[in-house]
Amino acid sequence: MKNRRGGTNAVEERFEKLSNVQGLLEMRLPEYAKLMTEEMGKPLAQSEAEVSKCSGMIEYSVAHSLKFMQD
């Protein structure tokens, strides 16, 4: 499957972008957790756990999505 620009596989391109987001979540976990705590009043440990959970969900989705999309 090609994307609109005629380049790489659109699904693979999306997985790559999601992997980049997952990497940013891991790299900036303390920053995002602090922001969540400041904006929502959550305890810092809960904010850190939520950012980690999101990162893990992306990682799992990228690893298993091709299997999920099969007939």
Protein backbone atom coordinates (compact mmCIF):
# COMPACT_ATOMS: atom_id res chain seq x y z
CA MET A 1 0.00 0.00 0.00
CA LYS A 2 1.43 3.37 -0.99
CA ASN A 3 0.71 6.68 0.63
CA ARG A 4 -0.61 9.71 -1.25
CA ARG A 5 2.91 10.86 -2.00
CA GLY A 6 3.70 7.54 -3.68
CA GLY A 7 6.38 6.76 -1.11
CA THR A 8 6.71 4.09 1.52
CA ASN A 9 3.94 1.89 2.81
CA ALA A 10 1.41 4.11 4.55
CA VAL A 11 0.91 1.65 7.42
CA GLU A 12 4.63 1.37 8.02
CA GLU A 13 4.92 5.16 7.94
CA ARG A 14 2.21 5.43 10.59
CA PHE A 15 3.95 2.83 12.74
CA GLU A 16 7.18 4.79 12.45
CA LYS A 17 5.43 7.98 13.55
CA LEU A 18 3.78 6.18 16.45
CA SER A 19 7.15 4.76 17.46
CA ASN A 20 8.54 8.29 17.46
CA VAL A 21 5.71 9.43 19.74
CA GLN A 22 6.37 6.47 22.03
CA GLY A 23 10.04 7.40 22.22
CA LEU A 24 9.17 10.99 23.09
CA LEU A 25 6.84 9.84 25.85
CA GLU A 26 9.63 7.75 27.35
CA MET A 27 12.26 10.45 26.94
CA ARG A 28 10.08 13.22 28.34
CA LEU A 29 8.23 11.20 30.97
CA PRO A 30 9.30 13.40 33.90
CA GLU A 31 8.33 16.58 32.04
CA TYR A 32 4.91 15.26 30.98
CA ALA A 33 4.20 13.77 34.40
CA LYS A 34 5.03 17.07 36.11
CA LEU A 35 2.75 18.92 33.69
CA MET A 36 -0.12 16.49 34.33
CA THR A 37 0.37 16.88 38.07
CA GLU A 38 0.35 20.66 37.83
CA GLU A 39 -2.67 20.84 35.52
CA MET A 40 -4.82 18.05 36.96
CA GLY A 41 -3.65 17.82 40.56
CA LYS A 42 -2.73 14.15 40.30
CA PRO A 43 -0.03 12.74 42.51
CA LEU A 44 3.25 12.64 40.58
CA ALA A 45 3.48 8.84 40.81
CA GLN A 46 0.07 8.50 39.14
CA SER A 47 1.05 10.93 36.41
CA GLU A 48 4.26 9.00 35.74
CA ALA A 49 2.31 5.74 35.61
CA GLU A 50 -0.16 7.23 33.12
CA VAL A 51 2.58 8.44 30.78
CA SER A 52 4.24 5.00 31.00
CA LYS A 53 0.92 3.31 30.29
CA CYS A 54 0.40 5.43 27.16
CA SER A 55 3.91 4.63 25.99
CA GLY A 56 3.31 0.93 26.55
CA MET A 57 0.00 1.01 24.70
CA ILE A 58 1.67 2.57 21.67
CA GLU A 59 4.48 0.03 21.77
CA TYR A 60 1.98 -2.85 21.99
CA SER A 61 -0.16 -1.44 19.17
CA VAL A 62 2.79 -1.02 16.82
CA ALA A 63 4.00 -4.54 17.58
CA HIS A 64 0.62 -6.21 17.06
CA SER A 65 -1.45 -4.03 14.71
CA LEU A 66 -0.60 -5.90 11.51
CA LYS A 67 -1.91 -9.10 13.11
CA PHE A 68 -5.05 -7.27 14.31
CA MET A 69 -5.75 -5.94 10.79
CA GLN A 70 -5.73 -9.35 9.14
CA ASP A 71 -8.98 -10.93 7.97
